[in-house]
N, C-alpha and C. Protein backbone atom coordinates (compact mmCIF):
# COMPACT_ATOMS: atom_id res chain seq x y z
N MET A 1 101.90 109.80 -59.48
CA MET A 1 101.21 107.77 -59.77
C MET A 1 101.55 107.25 -57.56
N PHE A 2 101.22 106.28 -57.76
CA PHE A 2 101.43 105.46 -56.31
C PHE A 2 101.97 104.32 -56.85
N ASP A 3 102.53 104.01 -55.90
CA ASP A 3 103.56 102.70 -56.06
C ASP A 3 102.59 101.48 -56.51
N GLY A 4 103.19 100.56 -57.20
CA GLY A 4 103.07 99.48 -57.87
C GLY A 4 101.76 99.88 -58.82
N TYR A 5 101.77 101.24 -59.69
CA TYR A 5 100.46 101.43 -60.59
C TYR A 5 100.77 100.46 -61.10
N GLU A 6 102.25 100.09 -61.95
CA GLU A 6 102.45 99.47 -63.24
C GLU A 6 101.08 98.20 -63.50
N SER A 7 101.22 97.21 -62.01
CA SER A 7 100.24 96.36 -62.13
C SER A 7 98.69 96.30 -62.68
N PHE A 8 98.55 97.94 -62.89
CA PHE A 8 97.06 97.83 -63.27
C PHE A 8 97.18 98.48 -64.50
N GLY A 9 98.43 97.92 -65.23
CA GLY A 9 97.95 98.40 -66.70
C GLY A 9 97.37 99.48 -67.37
N ASN A 10 96.79 99.59 -68.68
CA ASN A 10 96.31 100.92 -69.04
C ASN A 10 94.83 100.78 -68.40
N TYR A 11 94.40 100.46 -67.11
CA TYR A 11 93.42 100.79 -66.45
C TYR A 11 93.96 102.08 -65.83
N VAL A 12 95.18 102.78 -65.16
CA VAL A 12 95.02 103.93 -64.27
C VAL A 12 94.76 105.03 -64.89
N LEU A 13 93.88 105.64 -64.58
CA LEU A 13 93.18 106.92 -65.43
C LEU A 13 94.61 107.99 -64.94
N ASN A 14 94.63 109.24 -65.94
CA ASN A 14 95.95 110.11 -66.17
C ASN A 14 95.54 111.38 -65.20
N PHE A 15 95.03 111.44 -64.07
CA PHE A 15 94.73 112.86 -63.56
C PHE A 15 95.05 112.41 -62.12
N LYS A 16 94.73 113.48 -61.53
CA LYS A 16 95.24 113.46 -60.12
C LYS A 16 94.44 112.52 -58.76
N TYR A 17 95.45 111.91 -58.00
CA TYR A 17 94.48 111.01 -57.19
C TYR A 17 94.41 111.56 -56.20
N PHE A 18 92.84 111.36 -55.83
CA PHE A 18 93.19 112.12 -54.10
C PHE A 18 92.16 110.66 -53.05
N PHE A 19 92.85 110.37 -52.18
CA PHE A 19 92.23 108.61 -51.97
C PHE A 19 90.90 109.57 -50.57
N LEU A 20 90.19 108.59 -50.67
CA LEU A 20 89.06 109.04 -49.84
C LEU A 20 88.65 107.31 -49.04
N ASP A 21 88.46 107.69 -47.46
CA ASP A 21 88.45 106.01 -46.64
C ASP A 21 86.57 106.25 -47.35
N ALA A 22 86.55 105.23 -47.87
CA ALA A 22 85.20 104.50 -48.80
C ALA A 22 84.44 104.10 -47.14
N LYS A 23 84.90 103.60 -46.47
CA LYS A 23 84.37 102.74 -44.85
C LYS A 23 83.82 104.44 -44.08
N GLY A 24 84.29 105.38 -44.56
CA GLY A 24 84.04 106.65 -43.35
C GLY A 24 82.56 107.32 -44.25
N PHE A 25 82.27 106.94 -44.74
CA PHE A 25 80.85 107.28 -45.59
C PHE A 25 79.52 106.40 -45.19
N GLU A 26 78.90 107.24 -44.80
CA GLU A 26 77.11 105.92 -44.62
C GLU A 26 76.58 105.97 -46.03
N LYS A 27 75.60 105.04 -46.09
CA LYS A 27 74.80 104.80 -47.54
C LYS A 27 74.26 105.83 -47.73
N ASP A 28 73.50 106.65 -46.62
CA ASP A 28 72.51 107.46 -46.70
C ASP A 28 73.44 108.88 -47.28
N GLY A 29 74.84 108.80 -46.91
CA GLY A 29 75.00 110.63 -47.22
C GLY A 29 75.60 110.17 -48.45
N LEU A 30 75.49 108.91 -49.28
CA LEU A 30 76.68 109.08 -50.46
C LEU A 30 75.09 109.12 -51.53
N LYS A 31 73.97 109.24 -50.57
CA LYS A 31 72.65 109.59 -51.91
C LYS A 31 72.92 111.34 -52.16
N THR A 32 73.44 111.95 -51.19
CA THR A 32 73.36 113.20 -51.54
C THR A 32 74.90 114.13 -52.43
N PHE A 33 75.54 112.80 -52.37
CA PHE A 33 76.97 113.19 -53.12
C PHE A 33 76.61 114.33 -54.89
N TYR A 34 77.01 115.48 -55.08
CA TYR A 34 76.97 115.87 -56.18
C TYR A 34 77.34 114.85 -57.33
N SER A 35 78.09 114.08 -57.18
CA SER A 35 78.75 113.47 -58.39
C SER A 35 78.40 111.68 -57.96
N LYS A 36 77.42 111.52 -58.67
CA LYS A 36 76.46 109.80 -58.84
C LYS A 36 77.78 109.05 -58.74
N LEU A 37 78.72 109.44 -60.31
CA LEU A 37 79.98 108.33 -60.11
C LEU A 37 80.12 108.22 -58.77
N LEU A 38 80.97 109.56 -58.29
CA LEU A 38 81.56 108.98 -57.01
C LEU A 38 81.44 108.03 -55.91
N ALA A 39 79.75 108.77 -56.05
CA ALA A 39 78.53 107.67 -54.92
C ALA A 39 78.41 106.32 -54.89
N VAL A 40 78.76 106.47 -56.47
CA VAL A 40 78.11 104.92 -57.21
C VAL A 40 79.71 104.13 -56.80
N ILE A 41 81.14 104.45 -56.98
CA ILE A 41 82.21 103.93 -56.45
C ILE A 41 82.35 103.77 -54.99
N LEU A 42 82.09 104.65 -54.22
CA LEU A 42 82.10 104.46 -52.90
C LEU A 42 81.03 103.55 -52.13
N LEU A 43 80.08 103.57 -52.97
CA LEU A 43 78.58 102.68 -52.19
C LEU A 43 79.75 100.95 -52.65
N LEU A 44 80.37 100.82 -54.15
CA LEU A 44 80.78 99.71 -54.19
C LEU A 44 82.29 99.73 -53.37
N GLU A 45 82.91 100.39 -52.99
CA GLU A 45 83.88 100.49 -52.31
C GLU A 45 84.00 99.41 -51.03
N LYS A 46 82.75 99.90 -50.63
CA LYS A 46 82.04 99.86 -48.89
C LYS A 46 81.97 98.18 -48.45
N ALA A 47 81.23 97.70 -50.02
CA ALA A 47 81.06 96.28 -49.98
C ALA A 47 82.31 95.31 -48.89
N LYS A 48 81.20 94.34 -48.20
CA LYS A 48 82.88 93.25 -48.12
C LYS A 48 82.37 92.31 -48.09
N THR A 49 81.50 91.91 -48.96
CA THR A 49 81.09 90.29 -49.82
C THR A 49 80.98 90.99 -51.33
N ASP A 50 80.77 89.76 -51.83
CA ASP A 50 79.83 89.50 -53.50
C ASP A 50 78.82 90.05 -53.29
N ILE A 51 78.06 89.29 -52.67
CA ILE A 51 76.50 89.59 -52.25
C ILE A 51 76.48 91.06 -52.12
N GLU A 52 76.93 91.32 -51.21
CA GLU A 52 77.14 92.77 -50.32
C GLU A 52 76.99 93.57 -52.00
N PHE A 53 78.63 93.68 -52.78
CA PHE A 53 78.82 94.28 -53.88
C PHE A 53 77.49 94.15 -54.94
N TYR A 54 76.88 93.25 -55.34
CA TYR A 54 75.79 93.21 -56.58
C TYR A 54 74.96 93.96 -55.74
N GLU A 55 74.47 93.44 -54.59
CA GLU A 55 73.28 94.10 -54.26
C GLU A 55 73.04 95.72 -54.09
N ASN A 56 74.48 96.72 -54.22
CA ASN A 56 75.12 97.44 -54.00
C ASN A 56 75.20 98.70 -55.66
N ILE A 57 75.24 97.44 -56.75
CA ILE A 57 75.72 98.04 -58.05
C ILE A 57 73.85 97.77 -58.32
N ARG A 58 73.20 97.07 -58.08
CA ARG A 58 70.90 96.99 -58.42
C ARG A 58 70.89 98.50 -58.01
N GLN A 59 71.48 98.70 -56.47
CA GLN A 59 71.13 99.99 -56.26
C GLN A 59 71.63 100.82 -56.92
N SER A 60 72.70 100.94 -57.55
CA SER A 60 72.71 102.14 -58.55
C SER A 60 72.23 101.94 -60.16
N VAL A 61 72.34 100.77 -60.61
CA VAL A 61 71.91 100.31 -62.08
C VAL A 61 71.17 101.88 -62.59
N SER A 62 70.71 102.34 -61.65
CA SER A 62 69.86 103.72 -62.77
C SER A 62 71.00 104.67 -62.74
N ASP A 63 71.45 105.19 -62.07
CA ASP A 63 72.20 106.10 -61.65
C ASP A 63 73.18 105.61 -62.91
N VAL A 64 74.04 104.24 -62.64
CA VAL A 64 75.09 103.89 -63.88
C VAL A 64 74.52 104.48 -64.98
N LEU A 65 73.09 103.76 -65.63
CA LEU A 65 73.01 103.55 -67.01
C LEU A 65 72.67 105.42 -67.27
N ASN A 66 72.57 105.79 -66.08
CA ASN A 66 72.56 107.87 -67.18
C ASN A 66 74.00 108.31 -66.95
N PHE A 67 75.20 107.19 -66.91
CA PHE A 67 76.41 108.10 -66.60
C PHE A 67 76.41 108.31 -68.17
N ASP A 68 77.60 109.98 -68.15
CA ASP A 68 77.70 109.85 -70.09
C ASP A 68 78.69 109.28 -70.00
N LEU A 69 79.61 109.30 -71.17
CA LEU A 69 80.33 108.60 -71.65
C LEU A 69 81.85 108.39 -71.01
N GLU A 70 82.48 109.37 -70.24
CA GLU A 70 83.63 109.75 -69.64
C GLU A 70 83.06 109.17 -68.31
N GLU A 71 81.85 109.27 -67.74
CA GLU A 71 81.80 108.82 -66.42
C GLU A 71 81.83 107.13 -66.79
N LYS A 72 80.89 106.76 -67.53
CA LYS A 72 81.14 105.39 -68.21
C LYS A 72 82.62 104.85 -67.78
N ARG A 73 83.29 105.35 -68.75
CA ARG A 73 84.81 104.71 -68.86
C ARG A 73 85.26 105.34 -68.04
N VAL A 74 85.51 105.90 -67.11
CA VAL A 74 85.76 106.06 -65.08
C VAL A 74 85.63 105.02 -64.43
N PHE A 75 83.88 104.72 -64.38
CA PHE A 75 83.04 103.05 -64.21
C PHE A 75 83.88 102.22 -64.74
N ASP A 76 83.93 101.73 -65.58
CA ASP A 76 84.77 100.73 -66.26
C ASP A 76 85.69 100.61 -66.17
N ALA A 77 86.40 101.62 -65.82
CA ALA A 77 88.00 101.16 -65.57
C ALA A 77 88.30 101.21 -64.39
N PHE A 78 87.21 101.38 -62.73
CA PHE A 78 86.94 101.24 -61.82
C PHE A 78 86.72 99.63 -61.80
N ILE A 79 86.14 98.78 -62.09
CA ILE A 79 85.57 97.74 -62.08
C ILE A 79 86.85 97.03 -62.78
N LYS A 80 87.27 97.04 -63.23
CA LYS A 80 88.57 96.81 -63.72
C LYS A 80 89.81 96.48 -62.82
N ILE A 81 89.68 97.58 -62.08
CA ILE A 81 90.59 97.68 -61.35
C ILE A 81 90.15 96.71 -60.79
N LEU A 82 89.25 96.92 -60.03
CA LEU A 82 88.72 95.94 -58.93
C LEU A 82 89.41 94.74 -58.81
N ASP A 83 88.66 94.32 -60.45
CA ASP A 83 88.97 93.12 -60.82
C ASP A 83 90.61 92.46 -60.07
N LEU A 84 91.63 93.37 -60.85
CA LEU A 84 92.67 93.28 -60.55
C LEU A 84 93.03 93.04 -58.90
N ALA A 85 93.01 94.32 -58.12
CA ALA A 85 93.51 94.20 -56.73
C ALA A 85 92.54 92.75 -56.26
N TYR A 86 91.31 92.41 -56.34
CA TYR A 86 91.16 91.73 -55.51
C TYR A 86 90.38 90.18 -56.26
N GLY A 87 91.35 90.20 -57.42
CA GLY A 87 91.37 88.51 -58.21
C GLY A 87 89.90 88.05 -58.57
N LYS A 88 89.26 89.10 -58.67
CA LYS A 88 87.73 88.29 -58.98
C LYS A 88 87.48 89.15 -61.11
N ASN A 89 86.83 88.40 -61.58
CA ASN A 89 86.53 88.30 -63.03
C ASN A 89 85.23 89.05 -63.08
N ARG A 90 84.82 90.46 -62.51
CA ARG A 90 83.17 90.52 -62.10
C ARG A 90 82.76 91.55 -63.57
N SER A 91 83.83 92.09 -63.99
CA SER A 91 83.53 93.21 -64.97
C SER A 91 82.77 92.66 -66.13
N VAL A 92 83.47 91.72 -66.85
CA VAL A 92 82.82 91.53 -68.08
C VAL A 92 81.10 91.24 -67.71
N GLN A 93 80.92 90.45 -66.55
CA GLN A 93 79.31 90.25 -65.66
C GLN A 93 78.40 91.41 -65.79
N ILE A 94 79.06 92.66 -65.24
CA ILE A 94 78.59 93.74 -64.62
C ILE A 94 78.33 94.85 -65.82
N GLN A 95 79.05 94.12 -67.73
CA GLN A 95 79.30 95.14 -68.49
C GLN A 95 78.69 94.60 -69.24
N GLU A 96 77.75 93.41 -69.36
CA GLU A 96 76.13 92.67 -69.60
C GLU A 96 75.16 93.03 -69.51
N ILE A 97 75.31 93.51 -67.76
CA ILE A 97 74.13 93.72 -66.82
C ILE A 97 74.24 95.20 -67.73
N LEU A 98 75.09 96.10 -67.44
CA LEU A 98 74.72 97.61 -67.72
C LEU A 98 74.27 98.01 -69.35
N ASN A 99 74.81 96.95 -70.39
CA ASN A 99 74.93 97.40 -71.58
C ASN A 99 73.25 96.56 -72.10
N GLU A 100 72.56 96.24 -70.91
CA GLU A 100 71.19 95.81 -71.42
C GLU A 100 70.41 96.93 -70.92
N SER A 101 69.25 97.25 -71.99
CA SER A 101 68.50 98.87 -72.09
C SER A 101 67.74 98.69 -71.63
N ARG A 102 66.66 97.18 -71.20
CA ARG A 102 65.63 97.72 -69.84
C ARG A 102 66.17 97.38 -68.50
N ILE A 103 65.73 98.11 -67.80
CA ILE A 103 66.24 98.40 -66.27
C ILE A 103 65.83 96.81 -65.85
N GLU A 104 64.73 95.84 -66.03
CA GLU A 104 64.15 95.09 -65.48
C GLU A 104 64.86 93.76 -65.82
N GLU A 105 65.30 93.59 -66.92
CA GLU A 105 66.62 92.99 -67.60
C GLU A 105 67.84 92.78 -66.68
N ALA A 106 68.23 94.06 -66.59
CA ALA A 106 69.53 94.33 -66.13
C ALA A 106 69.10 94.23 -64.29
N ASP A 107 68.07 94.40 -63.66
CA ASP A 107 67.55 93.85 -62.18
C ASP A 107 67.52 92.55 -61.97
N ARG A 108 67.16 91.38 -63.28
CA ARG A 108 66.79 89.89 -63.23
C ARG A 108 68.46 89.89 -63.13
N MET A 109 69.39 89.91 -64.48
CA MET A 109 70.52 89.14 -64.03
C MET A 109 71.21 89.61 -62.82
N LEU A 110 70.93 91.08 -62.05
CA LEU A 110 71.82 91.20 -60.93
C LEU A 110 70.87 90.38 -59.97
N CYS A 111 69.78 90.03 -59.63
CA CYS A 111 69.50 88.86 -59.01
C CYS A 111 69.81 87.85 -59.04
N ASP A 112 69.95 87.47 -60.39
CA ASP A 112 70.64 86.24 -60.82
C ASP A 112 72.59 85.71 -59.94
N LEU A 113 73.10 87.21 -60.04
CA LEU A 113 74.74 86.84 -59.68
C LEU A 113 74.46 86.96 -58.23
N ILE A 114 73.33 87.65 -57.30
CA ILE A 114 73.36 87.87 -56.10
C ILE A 114 73.17 86.34 -55.35
N GLU A 115 71.88 85.96 -56.01
CA GLU A 115 71.54 84.42 -55.80
C GLU A 115 72.72 83.61 -55.86
N ASN A 116 73.44 83.47 -57.26
CA ASN A 116 74.66 82.73 -57.32
C ASN A 116 75.50 83.01 -56.19
N ALA A 117 75.49 84.25 -55.71
CA ALA A 117 77.09 84.18 -55.13
C ALA A 117 76.65 83.84 -53.31
N LYS A 118 75.02 84.17 -53.34
CA LYS A 118 74.54 83.41 -52.12
C LYS A 118 74.95 82.09 -51.92
N ARG A 119 74.34 81.16 -53.18
CA ARG A 119 74.98 79.89 -53.11
C ARG A 119 76.07 79.07 -53.02
N GLU A 120 77.39 80.18 -53.76
CA GLU A 120 78.23 79.52 -53.23
C GLU A 120 78.69 79.65 -52.20
N LYS A 121 78.01 81.06 -51.28
CA LYS A 121 78.68 81.53 -50.00
C LYS A 121 78.07 80.24 -49.14
N GLU A 122 76.95 79.83 -49.67
CA GLU A 122 76.28 78.32 -48.70
C GLU A 122 77.22 77.19 -48.84
N GLY A 123 77.53 76.74 -50.29
CA GLY A 123 78.53 75.89 -50.36
C GLY A 123 79.68 75.90 -49.63
N LEU A 124 80.72 76.82 -49.41
CA LEU A 124 81.39 77.22 -48.90
C LEU A 124 81.35 76.81 -47.74
N LEU A 125 80.51 77.40 -46.75
CA LEU A 125 80.05 77.15 -45.49
C LEU A 125 79.82 75.55 -45.37
N ALA A 126 79.29 74.95 -46.28
CA ALA A 126 79.01 74.07 -45.73
C ALA A 126 79.95 72.15 -45.97
N GLU A 127 80.88 73.22 -46.86
CA GLU A 127 82.18 72.03 -47.20
C GLU A 127 83.00 72.63 -45.97
N GLY A 128 83.20 73.55 -45.15
CA GLY A 128 83.53 73.85 -43.92
C GLY A 128 82.97 73.06 -42.93
N GLU A 129 82.13 73.49 -43.10
CA GLU A 129 81.37 72.42 -42.17
C GLU A 129 81.61 70.92 -41.53
N ARG A 130 81.43 70.33 -43.09
CA ARG A 130 81.69 69.03 -43.35
C ARG A 130 83.34 68.58 -43.05
N LYS A 131 83.98 69.98 -43.20
CA LYS A 131 85.43 69.28 -43.10
C LYS A 131 85.85 69.33 -41.24
N GLY A 132 85.10 70.43 -40.89
CA GLY A 132 84.82 70.44 -39.52
C GLY A 132 84.37 68.73 -38.75
N LYS A 133 83.62 68.38 -39.24
CA LYS A 133 83.09 67.56 -38.88
C LYS A 133 83.86 66.03 -39.13
N ILE A 134 84.21 66.25 -40.09
CA ILE A 134 85.96 65.54 -40.15
C ILE A 134 86.72 65.35 -39.68
N GLU A 135 87.28 66.82 -39.57
CA GLU A 135 88.11 66.99 -38.39
C GLU A 135 87.67 66.55 -36.94
N GLY A 136 86.62 66.73 -36.59
CA GLY A 136 86.72 66.31 -34.96
C GLY A 136 86.25 64.85 -35.49
N LYS A 137 85.54 64.07 -35.76
CA LYS A 137 85.48 62.69 -35.67
C LYS A 137 87.12 62.09 -35.84
N ILE A 138 87.94 62.64 -36.50
CA ILE A 138 89.77 62.15 -36.14
C ILE A 138 90.32 62.62 -35.06
N GLU A 139 89.68 63.79 -34.50
CA GLU A 139 90.37 64.19 -33.05
C GLU A 139 89.68 63.58 -32.32
N GLY A 140 88.44 62.89 -32.41
CA GLY A 140 87.72 61.78 -31.36
C GLY A 140 88.33 60.37 -31.10
N LYS A 141 88.66 60.05 -32.43
CA LYS A 141 89.34 58.76 -32.67
C LYS A 141 90.83 58.64 -32.10
N ILE A 142 91.28 59.87 -32.45
CA ILE A 142 92.66 60.14 -31.56
C ILE A 142 92.81 60.00 -30.38
N GLU A 143 91.74 60.62 -29.26
CA GLU A 143 91.66 60.96 -28.22
C GLU A 143 91.03 59.58 -27.55
N CYS A 144 90.70 58.72 -28.53
CA CYS A 144 89.82 57.26 -27.73
C CYS A 144 91.01 56.38 -28.10
N ARG A 145 91.72 56.11 -28.59
CA ARG A 145 93.24 55.41 -28.76
C ARG A 145 94.08 55.96 -27.56
N ILE A 146 93.62 57.09 -27.79
CA ILE A 146 94.74 57.46 -26.31
C ILE A 146 94.51 56.96 -24.64
N GLU A 147 93.20 57.97 -25.03
CA GLU A 147 92.41 57.10 -23.30
C GLU A 147 92.79 55.32 -23.32
N GLY A 148 92.90 54.81 -24.18
CA GLY A 148 92.57 53.13 -24.55
C GLY A 148 94.07 53.16 -24.15
N LYS A 149 94.76 53.34 -24.26
CA LYS A 149 96.60 52.92 -24.37
C LYS A 149 96.79 53.19 -22.83
N ILE A 150 96.05 54.21 -22.66
CA ILE A 150 96.34 55.16 -21.02
C ILE A 150 95.40 54.14 -20.07
N GLU A 151 94.44 53.74 -20.37
CA GLU A 151 94.17 52.16 -19.59
C GLU A 151 94.91 51.09 -19.97
N ASP A 152 95.21 50.38 -20.75
CA ASP A 152 96.15 49.57 -20.72
C ASP A 152 97.11 49.70 -19.70
N ALA A 153 97.71 50.86 -20.23
CA ALA A 153 99.27 51.19 -19.19
C ALA A 153 98.97 51.07 -17.64
N LYS A 154 98.03 51.59 -17.16
CA LYS A 154 97.18 51.63 -16.02
C LYS A 154 97.09 50.10 -15.44
N ALA A 155 96.29 49.19 -16.16
CA ALA A 155 96.32 47.74 -15.80
C ALA A 155 97.88 47.55 -15.88
N MET A 156 98.48 47.20 -16.72
CA MET A 156 100.09 47.18 -16.36
C MET A 156 100.53 47.62 -15.38
N LEU A 157 100.49 48.41 -15.21
CA LEU A 157 100.83 49.15 -13.63
C LEU A 157 100.48 48.79 -12.65
N ARG A 158 99.40 48.40 -12.22
CA ARG A 158 98.42 47.38 -11.27
C ARG A 158 99.34 46.08 -11.32
N GLU A 159 99.75 45.55 -12.74
CA GLU A 159 100.21 44.18 -12.62
C GLU A 159 101.79 44.42 -12.41
N LYS A 160 102.13 45.97 -12.16
CA LYS A 160 103.89 45.61 -11.77
C LYS A 160 104.50 45.32 -12.70
N LEU A 161 104.34 45.45 -14.06
CA LEU A 161 104.96 45.31 -15.43
C LEU A 161 106.08 46.76 -15.14
N PRO A 162 107.33 46.23 -15.79
CA PRO A 162 108.35 47.51 -15.81
C PRO A 162 107.90 48.52 -16.96
N ILE A 163 108.35 49.89 -16.36
CA ILE A 163 107.86 50.84 -17.39
C ILE A 163 108.31 50.89 -18.96
N ASP A 164 109.86 50.50 -18.92
CA ASP A 164 110.21 50.09 -20.23
C ASP A 164 109.10 49.69 -21.19
N LEU A 165 109.16 47.84 -20.62
CA LEU A 165 107.96 47.32 -21.58
C LEU A 165 106.76 47.88 -21.42
N ILE A 166 105.93 49.00 -20.75
CA ILE A 166 104.56 49.62 -20.87
C ILE A 166 104.80 50.66 -22.28
N ILE A 167 106.50 50.77 -22.04
CA ILE A 167 106.84 52.21 -23.16
C ILE A 167 106.24 51.41 -24.64
N ARG A 168 107.36 50.31 -24.45
CA ARG A 168 106.99 49.34 -25.93
C ARG A 168 105.79 48.73 -26.14
N ILE A 169 105.12 48.84 -25.11
CA ILE A 169 103.66 48.20 -26.01
C ILE A 169 102.37 49.14 -26.09
N THR A 170 102.96 50.36 -25.18
CA THR A 170 101.82 51.42 -25.33
C THR A 170 101.98 51.86 -26.65
N ASN A 171 103.00 52.66 -26.67
CA ASN A 171 104.07 54.02 -27.31
C ASN A 171 103.33 55.40 -26.85
N LEU A 172 103.31 54.78 -25.28
CA LEU A 172 103.06 56.26 -25.01
C LEU A 172 104.69 56.53 -23.88
N THR A 173 104.97 58.09 -24.13
CA THR A 173 106.15 58.18 -23.13
C THR A 173 106.16 57.89 -21.74
N ARG A 174 107.55 58.14 -21.53
CA ARG A 174 107.67 57.36 -20.16
C ARG A 174 107.44 58.99 -19.26
N ASP A 175 107.20 60.09 -19.39
CA ASP A 175 106.08 61.29 -18.76
C ASP A 175 104.55 60.78 -18.86
N GLN A 176 104.19 60.64 -19.57
CA GLN A 176 102.69 59.90 -19.69
C GLN A 176 102.57 59.10 -18.71
N ILE A 177 103.31 58.09 -18.67
CA ILE A 177 102.75 56.59 -17.73
C ILE A 177 103.48 57.02 -16.74
N GLU A 178 104.72 57.85 -16.49
CA GLU A 178 104.70 58.44 -14.92
C GLU A 178 103.66 59.34 -14.48
N THR A 179 103.11 60.16 -15.15
CA THR A 179 101.93 60.96 -14.76
C THR A 179 100.95 60.18 -14.40
N ILE A 180 100.83 59.11 -14.82
CA ILE A 180 99.28 57.81 -14.89
C ILE A 180 99.90 57.27 -13.59
N ALA A 181 101.15 57.10 -13.28
CA ALA A 181 101.57 56.22 -11.74
C ALA A 181 100.84 57.23 -10.71
């Protein structure tokens, strides 16, 4: 076994493990694999985003629907392990899709998942953009206030007011005021 296998509970299969670098295989090369199960698993493992993950499942639906019982069991365990490893809950959705006997309906369901993932990504990007604008406005206001205080300090220095008084009025530091002078 490998370190930390306990966290996967009953989903760890009881056979020898061979670790392959999924990133080292090109998608076209996976099509030539003798084992469709291994090809599908490596293809899913290559996905960098939820959208890519669902698109890869969509590409593999016909292979997955043709798995024998043992391959289906291994594939189900793989999806559940992914859920545990990445904190996602995709296994139920994927099982519903794969249990659909009509490939057209399975394809429609996958298209819906892809569109939902895209909308979620767009929402997160929009939220990040909104937060960035707010942070920019706040930084601008702070800079504006500091510039105003610096202008006030310059005027006070021209009037030859004591630096200690300027510090109390503007809340600028002695170093900031001496830099201006």
